[in-house]
């Protein structure tokens, strides 16, 4: 994945869709996902958001 994100065309397309290419190792990606999941779980809980 990190190698693919070095492709300027792929990076451009990601940016056009609101993404930001961020090459990282598998461990960094795993840690990022865990952090983001916990962050948004707290937001959902504190706002008392429930699925309909």
N, C-alpha and C. Protein backbone atom coordinates (compact mmCIF):
# COMPACT_ATOMS: atom_id res chain seq x y z
N UNK A 1 0.82 -1.19 0.00
CA UNK A 1 0.00 0.00 0.00
C UNK A 1 0.87 1.25 0.00
N UNK A 2 1.90 1.27 0.83
CA UNK A 2 2.78 2.44 0.88
C UNK A 2 3.40 2.70 -0.48
N UNK A 3 3.76 1.63 -1.17
CA UNK A 3 4.34 1.77 -2.50
C UNK A 3 3.32 2.35 -3.48
N UNK A 4 2.09 1.89 -3.42
CA UNK A 4 1.05 2.39 -4.31
C UNK A 4 0.78 3.87 -4.06
N UNK A 5 0.86 4.30 -2.82
CA UNK A 5 0.60 5.70 -2.49
C UNK A 5 1.69 6.64 -2.98
N UNK A 6 2.80 6.09 -3.43
CA UNK A 6 3.86 6.91 -3.99
C UNK A 6 3.57 7.28 -5.45
N UNK A 7 2.58 6.64 -6.05
CA UNK A 7 2.19 6.92 -7.43
C UNK A 7 1.49 8.28 -7.46
N UNK A 8 2.04 9.26 -8.18
CA UNK A 8 1.45 10.60 -8.21
C UNK A 8 0.00 10.61 -8.70
N UNK A 9 -0.34 9.76 -9.65
CA UNK A 9 -1.71 9.72 -10.17
C UNK A 9 -2.68 9.23 -9.10
N UNK A 10 -2.30 8.19 -8.39
CA UNK A 10 -3.15 7.67 -7.32
C UNK A 10 -3.30 8.72 -6.22
N UNK A 11 -2.20 9.36 -5.86
CA UNK A 11 -2.25 10.41 -4.83
C UNK A 11 -3.18 11.54 -5.26
N UNK A 12 -3.09 11.94 -6.52
CA UNK A 12 -3.95 13.01 -7.04
C UNK A 12 -5.42 12.62 -6.95
N UNK A 13 -5.72 11.38 -7.35
CA UNK A 13 -7.12 10.91 -7.32
C UNK A 13 -7.65 10.84 -5.89
N UNK A 14 -6.82 10.41 -4.96
CA UNK A 14 -7.25 10.37 -3.56
C UNK A 14 -7.57 11.78 -3.06
N UNK A 15 -6.70 12.73 -3.40
CA UNK A 15 -6.93 14.11 -2.96
C UNK A 15 -8.21 14.69 -3.56
N UNK A 16 -8.48 14.35 -4.81
CA UNK A 16 -9.70 14.83 -5.45
C UNK A 16 -10.95 14.35 -4.72
N UNK A 17 -10.85 13.20 -4.08
CA UNK A 17 -11.98 12.63 -3.36
C UNK A 17 -11.97 12.98 -1.88
N UNK A 18 -11.09 13.90 -1.50
CA UNK A 18 -11.03 14.35 -0.11
C UNK A 18 -10.11 13.56 0.77
N UNK A 19 -9.37 12.62 0.19
CA UNK A 19 -8.44 11.82 0.97
C UNK A 19 -7.08 12.48 1.06
N UNK A 20 -6.25 11.96 1.91
CA UNK A 20 -4.89 12.44 2.05
C UNK A 20 -3.96 11.24 2.11
N UNK A 21 -3.17 11.03 1.06
CA UNK A 21 -2.26 9.89 1.06
C UNK A 21 -1.33 9.95 2.27
N UNK A 22 -1.25 8.87 3.01
CA UNK A 22 -0.41 8.82 4.20
C UNK A 22 0.24 7.43 4.29
N UNK A 23 1.31 7.22 3.53
CA UNK A 23 1.97 5.92 3.58
C UNK A 23 2.41 5.58 5.01
N UNK A 24 2.16 4.35 5.41
CA UNK A 24 2.56 3.92 6.75
C UNK A 24 2.74 2.41 6.75
N UNK A 25 3.41 1.93 7.77
CA UNK A 25 3.62 0.49 7.91
C UNK A 25 2.31 -0.16 8.34
N UNK A 26 2.30 -1.50 8.30
CA UNK A 26 1.10 -2.21 8.76
C UNK A 26 0.81 -1.89 10.21
N UNK A 27 1.84 -1.84 11.05
CA UNK A 27 1.62 -1.55 12.47
C UNK A 27 1.09 -0.12 12.65
N UNK A 28 1.66 0.82 11.91
CA UNK A 28 1.17 2.20 12.01
C UNK A 28 -0.29 2.29 11.57
N UNK A 29 -0.64 1.57 10.51
CA UNK A 29 -2.02 1.58 10.05
C UNK A 29 -2.95 0.95 11.09
N UNK A 30 -2.52 -0.18 11.65
CA UNK A 30 -3.32 -0.85 12.69
C UNK A 30 -3.54 0.10 13.87
N UNK A 31 -2.48 0.77 14.31
CA UNK A 31 -2.59 1.71 15.43
C UNK A 31 -3.49 2.89 15.08
N UNK A 32 -3.38 3.39 13.85
CA UNK A 32 -4.21 4.50 13.40
C UNK A 32 -5.69 4.12 13.45
N UNK A 33 -6.01 2.94 12.91
CA UNK A 33 -7.40 2.48 12.89
C UNK A 33 -7.93 2.31 14.32
N UNK A 34 -7.11 1.75 15.20
CA UNK A 34 -7.54 1.56 16.60
C UNK A 34 -7.81 2.90 17.26
N UNK A 35 -6.93 3.87 17.03
CA UNK A 35 -7.10 5.20 17.62
C UNK A 35 -8.36 5.89 17.09
N UNK A 36 -8.54 5.84 15.78
CA UNK A 36 -9.71 6.47 15.17
C UNK A 36 -11.01 5.79 15.62
N UNK A 37 -11.00 4.48 15.72
CA UNK A 37 -12.19 3.75 16.16
C UNK A 37 -12.57 4.16 17.57
N UNK A 38 -11.58 4.22 18.45
CA UNK A 38 -11.84 4.63 19.84
C UNK A 38 -12.35 6.07 19.90
N UNK A 39 -11.75 6.94 19.12
CA UNK A 39 -12.14 8.35 19.12
C UNK A 39 -13.61 8.51 18.69
N UNK A 40 -13.96 7.87 17.59
CA UNK A 40 -15.33 8.02 17.11
C UNK A 40 -16.34 7.25 17.97
N UNK A 41 -15.91 6.20 18.62
CA UNK A 41 -16.80 5.49 19.55
C UNK A 41 -17.18 6.42 20.70
N UNK A 42 -16.19 7.17 21.21
CA UNK A 42 -16.48 8.13 22.30
C UNK A 42 -17.44 9.22 21.82
N UNK A 43 -17.24 9.69 20.60
CA UNK A 43 -18.12 10.73 20.06
C UNK A 43 -19.54 10.21 19.93
N UNK A 44 -19.68 9.02 19.39
CA UNK A 44 -21.01 8.41 19.21
C UNK A 44 -21.69 8.21 20.56
N UNK A 45 -20.94 7.71 21.53
CA UNK A 45 -21.51 7.49 22.87
C UNK A 45 -21.91 8.80 23.53
N UNK A 46 -21.05 9.80 23.48
CA UNK A 46 -21.38 11.05 24.17
C UNK A 46 -22.52 11.80 23.50
N UNK A 47 -22.68 11.62 22.21
CA UNK A 47 -23.78 12.27 21.50
C UNK A 47 -25.03 11.38 21.50
N UNK A 48 -24.90 10.21 22.08
CA UNK A 48 -26.01 9.24 22.15
C UNK A 48 -26.61 8.96 20.78
N UNK A 49 -25.72 8.73 19.84
CA UNK A 49 -26.14 8.41 18.46
C UNK A 49 -26.45 6.93 18.40
N UNK A 50 -27.59 6.60 17.82
CA UNK A 50 -27.99 5.20 17.66
C UNK A 50 -28.40 4.94 16.21
N UNK A 51 -28.18 3.74 15.76
CA UNK A 51 -28.60 3.36 14.40
C UNK A 51 -30.10 3.27 14.37
N UNK A 52 -30.66 3.63 13.25
CA UNK A 52 -32.12 3.55 13.12
C UNK A 52 -32.53 2.22 12.55
